[in-house]
Protein backbone atom coordinates (compact mmCIF):
# COMPACT_ATOMS: atom_id res chain seq x y z
CA MET A 1 156.37 94.98 194.77
CA GLU A 2 157.99 93.10 191.91
CA LEU A 3 157.60 89.57 190.71
CA LYS A 4 160.48 87.84 188.97
CA ILE A 5 159.73 85.10 186.47
CA GLY A 6 162.93 83.81 184.98
CA ASN A 7 164.86 86.88 183.83
CA VAL A 8 161.71 89.03 183.56
CA ARG A 9 160.68 91.39 186.33
CA ILE A 10 157.06 92.46 186.54
CA ASN A 11 155.75 95.00 189.01
CA ARG A 12 152.33 94.62 190.61
CA ARG A 13 150.81 97.57 188.71
CA ALA A 14 151.84 96.16 185.32
CA ALA A 15 150.56 92.70 186.27
CA LEU A 16 147.18 94.13 187.36
CA ARG A 17 146.93 96.25 184.20
CA THR A 18 147.56 93.15 182.08
CA LEU A 19 145.04 91.11 184.06
CA VAL A 20 142.38 93.81 183.70
CA GLY A 21 143.05 93.95 179.97
CA VAL A 22 142.71 90.20 179.59
CA VAL A 23 139.52 90.07 181.67
CA GLY A 24 138.10 93.08 179.82
CA THR A 25 138.80 91.46 176.47
CA GLY A 26 137.15 88.26 177.66
CA CYS A 27 134.05 90.16 178.77
CA ALA A 28 133.89 92.02 175.47
CA LEU A 29 134.12 88.76 173.55
CA ASP A 30 131.45 87.23 175.78
CA LEU A 31 129.10 90.13 175.10
CA ALA A 32 129.80 89.94 171.38
CA THR A 33 128.93 86.23 171.27
CA SER A 34 125.88 86.40 173.57
CA PRO A 35 123.40 86.37 170.67
CA ALA A 36 124.97 83.12 169.50
CA ARG A 37 124.38 81.58 172.91
CA ALA A 38 120.84 82.90 172.87
CA ALA A 39 120.17 80.76 169.79
CA LYS A 40 117.29 78.36 169.98
CA MET A 41 117.81 74.80 171.21
CA SER A 42 117.39 71.84 168.90
CA GLN A 43 114.24 69.76 169.07
CA ALA A 44 116.32 66.74 170.06
CA ALA A 45 117.88 68.64 172.98
CA VAL A 46 114.44 69.29 174.51
CA SER A 47 112.95 65.90 173.60
CA TYR A 48 110.34 67.53 171.33
CA GLN A 49 107.54 65.27 170.18
CA GLY A 50 104.69 66.03 167.77
CA SER A 51 102.03 64.86 170.19
CA PRO A 52 100.90 66.24 173.56
CA LYS A 53 101.80 64.85 176.96
CA GLY A 54 98.44 64.63 178.69
CA ALA A 55 96.94 68.13 178.89
CA GLN A 56 100.31 69.71 178.13
CA ASP A 57 100.83 70.80 174.54
CA CYS A 58 102.62 73.62 172.78
CA SER A 59 99.43 75.59 172.17
CA ASN A 60 99.09 76.22 175.92
CA CYS A 61 102.81 76.83 176.58
CA LYS A 62 104.23 80.30 177.32
CA LEU A 63 107.04 79.71 174.82
CA PHE A 64 104.80 78.85 171.86
CA GLU A 65 104.49 81.43 169.08
CA ALA A 66 101.49 80.85 166.81
CA PRO A 67 101.09 79.54 164.23
CA GLY A 68 104.03 77.12 164.50
CA SER A 69 107.21 78.24 166.26
CA CYS A 70 108.72 78.48 169.73
CA LYS A 71 110.74 81.17 171.51
CA SER A 72 113.27 78.58 172.68
CA VAL A 73 113.14 75.62 170.27
CA ASP A 74 114.36 75.67 166.67
CA GLY A 75 112.32 74.46 163.72
CA ALA A 76 108.64 73.96 162.97
CA ILE A 77 106.58 73.38 166.11
CA SER A 78 103.14 71.77 166.10
CA PRO A 79 100.51 73.34 168.39
CA GLN A 80 99.79 69.75 169.50
CA GLY A 81 103.49 69.04 170.21
CA TRP A 82 105.26 68.88 173.56
CA CYS A 83 108.81 69.11 174.95
CA LYS A 84 110.52 68.94 178.33
CA ILE A 85 110.79 72.75 178.70
CA TYR A 86 107.00 73.16 178.59
CA VAL A 87 105.76 76.10 180.70
CA LYS A 88 102.02 76.40 181.28
CA ALA A 89 100.64 79.66 179.90
């Protein structure tokens, strides 16, 4: 089967080969940039605050890394802080 676009004729096999190449390149680029997407979120994006919210604070969150960082949030994190992605440890 051939497809005609203007004066150009493309057969189905060539079109599929091109499509697979484009999709493959996109997947390769996606994999290459995955670490960039895995970067930590900003404190503003998670509504970080330096004080606890009730009994919830960073020191008892699964994401907290002592003495003062977080697996998911960028910057210095207080053990007494809190944000909206809090997950009880």
